[in-house]
Amino acid sequence: MSLERDQNKPKPDDRGDNVEKLQVMVHDTIENYREAEERMEWAPDHEKEQIRKKNKRREESIKGFRDEIKDEYRHQQNRTE
């Protein structure tokens, strides 16, 4: 019974590497954005519009990631004080 209870216990929230993970996500998203921009030069017109829309969503994601990075950094600073 005790073993079963331990298996259902939630893991502690380890936010120690969130900033690093978010920075990798920003980097990867920027790379995807740039690659899509390069592909757009050769893409047919109907694909260009899809690329534009996807890159717009990537811009929004990057902004969100950067906001999260700031929040995580502040959280880490508050924990060390």
C-alpha atoms as a PDB file:
ATOM      1  CA  MET A   1       0.000   0.000   0.000  1.00  0.00           C
ATOM      2  CA  SER A   2       2.786   2.428   0.893  1.00  0.00           C
ATOM      3  CA  LEU A   3       4.567   1.720  -2.391  1.00  0.00           C
ATOM      4  CA  GLU A   4       1.407   2.508  -4.349  1.00  0.00           C
ATOM      5  CA  ARG A   5       1.001   5.830  -2.521  1.00  0.00           C
ATOM      6  CA  ASP A   6       4.602   6.786  -3.291  1.00  0.00           C
ATOM      7  CA  GLN A   7       4.104   6.080  -6.998  1.00  0.00           C
ATOM      8  CA  ASN A   8       1.135   8.449  -7.164  1.00  0.00           C
ATOM      9  CA  LYS A   9       2.951  11.222  -5.339  1.00  0.00           C
ATOM     10  CA  PRO A  10       3.636  14.221  -7.606  1.00  0.00           C
ATOM     11  CA  LYS A  11       7.243  15.065  -8.336  1.00  0.00           C
ATOM     12  CA  PRO A  12       8.554  18.280  -6.786  1.00  0.00           C
ATOM     13  CA  ASP A  13       8.629  21.320  -9.054  1.00  0.00           C
ATOM     14  CA  ASP A  14      12.231  21.640 -10.230  1.00  0.00           C
ATOM     15  CA  ARG A  15      12.499  24.979 -12.000  1.00  0.00           C
ATOM     16  CA  GLY A  16      16.260  25.166 -11.747  1.00  0.00           C
ATOM     17  CA  ASP A  17      16.928  24.729 -15.449  1.00  0.00           C
ATOM     18  CA  ASN A  18      13.832  26.407 -16.887  1.00  0.00           C
ATOM     19  CA  VAL A  19      15.717  29.507 -18.070  1.00  0.00           C
ATOM     20  CA  GLU A  20      18.229  27.358 -19.903  1.00  0.00           C
ATOM     21  CA  LYS A  21      15.485  25.263 -21.531  1.00  0.00           C
ATOM     22  CA  LEU A  22      13.569  28.372 -22.556  1.00  0.00           C
ATOM     23  CA  GLN A  23      16.697  29.902 -24.092  1.00  0.00           C
ATOM     24  CA  VAL A  24      17.202  26.762 -26.177  1.00  0.00           C
ATOM     25  CA  MET A  25      13.572  26.982 -27.285  1.00  0.00           C
ATOM     26  CA  VAL A  26      14.054  30.633 -28.333  1.00  0.00           C
ATOM     27  CA  HIS A  27      17.188  29.725 -30.271  1.00  0.00           C
ATOM     28  CA  ASP A  28      15.495  26.806 -32.044  1.00  0.00           C
ATOM     29  CA  THR A  29      12.440  28.889 -32.923  1.00  0.00           C
ATOM     30  CA  ILE A  30      14.605  31.678 -34.352  1.00  0.00           C
ATOM     31  CA  GLU A  31      16.482  29.122 -36.453  1.00  0.00           C
ATOM     32  CA  ASN A  32      13.193  27.721 -37.766  1.00  0.00           C
ATOM     33  CA  TYR A  33      12.012  31.249 -38.543  1.00  0.00           C
ATOM     34  CA  ARG A  34      15.166  32.014 -40.533  1.00  0.00           C
ATOM     35  CA  GLU A  35      15.025  28.734 -42.434  1.00  0.00           C
ATOM     36  CA  ALA A  36      11.400  29.399 -43.333  1.00  0.00           C
ATOM     37  CA  GLU A  37      12.306  32.876 -44.581  1.00  0.00           C
ATOM     38  CA  GLU A  38      14.944  31.332 -46.852  1.00  0.00           C
ATOM     39  CA  ARG A  39      12.464  28.716 -48.125  1.00  0.00           C
ATOM     40  CA  MET A  40       9.977  31.450 -48.921  1.00  0.00           C
ATOM     41  CA  GLU A  41      12.255  32.743 -51.715  1.00  0.00           C
ATOM     42  CA  TRP A  42      11.642  29.540 -53.673  1.00  0.00           C
ATOM     43  CA  ALA A  43       8.184  28.556 -52.443  1.00  0.00           C
ATOM     44  CA  PRO A  44       5.058  28.800 -54.584  1.00  0.00           C
ATOM     45  CA  ASP A  45       2.681  31.630 -53.660  1.00  0.00           C
ATOM     46  CA  HIS A  46       0.223  29.441 -51.726  1.00  0.00           C
ATOM     47  CA  GLU A  47       3.069  28.172 -49.515  1.00  0.00           C
ATOM     48  CA  LYS A  48       4.431  31.668 -48.927  1.00  0.00           C
ATOM     49  CA  GLU A  49       1.243  32.692 -47.139  1.00  0.00           C
ATOM     50  CA  GLN A  50       1.425  29.594 -44.943  1.00  0.00           C
ATOM     51  CA  ILE A  51       5.052  30.395 -44.095  1.00  0.00           C
ATOM     52  CA  ARG A  52       4.149  33.993 -43.225  1.00  0.00           C
ATOM     53  CA  LYS A  53       1.393  32.818 -40.885  1.00  0.00           C
ATOM     54  CA  LYS A  54       3.638  30.252 -39.234  1.00  0.00           C
ATOM     55  CA  ASN A  55       6.431  32.787 -38.779  1.00  0.00           C
ATOM     56  CA  LYS A  56       3.937  35.197 -37.205  1.00  0.00           C
ATOM     57  CA  ARG A  57       3.097  32.479 -34.665  1.00  0.00           C
ATOM     58  CA  ARG A  58       6.831  31.908 -34.149  1.00  0.00           C
ATOM     59  CA  GLU A  59       7.282  35.629 -33.381  1.00  0.00           C
ATOM     60  CA  GLU A  60       4.534  35.394 -30.781  1.00  0.00           C
ATOM     61  CA  SER A  61       6.125  32.268 -29.301  1.00  0.00           C
ATOM     62  CA  ILE A  62       9.519  33.942 -29.062  1.00  0.00           C
ATOM     63  CA  LYS A  63       7.990  36.901 -27.242  1.00  0.00           C
ATOM     64  CA  GLY A  64       6.223  34.520 -24.852  1.00  0.00           C
ATOM     65  CA  PHE A  65       9.421  32.542 -24.232  1.00  0.00           C
ATOM     66  CA  ARG A  66      11.323  35.742 -23.480  1.00  0.00           C
ATOM     67  CA  ASP A  67       8.633  36.865 -21.049  1.00  0.00           C
ATOM     68  CA  GLU A  68       8.847  33.475 -19.327  1.00  0.00           C
ATOM     69  CA  ILE A  69      12.640  33.764 -19.154  1.00  0.00           C
ATOM     70  CA  LYS A  70      12.287  37.100 -17.356  1.00  0.00           C
ATOM     71  CA  ASP A  71       9.737  35.620 -14.950  1.00  0.00           C
ATOM     72  CA  GLU A  72      11.906  32.588 -14.233  1.00  0.00           C
ATOM     73  CA  TYR A  73      14.968  34.746 -13.706  1.00  0.00           C
ATOM     74  CA  ARG A  74      13.058  36.928 -11.221  1.00  0.00           C
ATOM     75  CA  HIS A  75      11.778  33.793  -9.473  1.00  0.00           C
ATOM     76  CA  GLN A  76      15.319  32.460  -9.150  1.00  0.00           C
ATOM     77  CA  GLN A  77      16.569  35.789  -7.816  1.00  0.00           C
ATOM     78  CA  ASN A  78      13.808  35.861  -5.190  1.00  0.00           C
ATOM     79  CA  ARG A  79      14.702  32.346  -4.035  1.00  0.00           C
ATOM     80  CA  THR A  80      18.334  33.293  -3.426  1.00  0.00           C
ATOM     81  CA  GLU A  81      17.490  36.375  -1.360  1.00  0.00           C
END
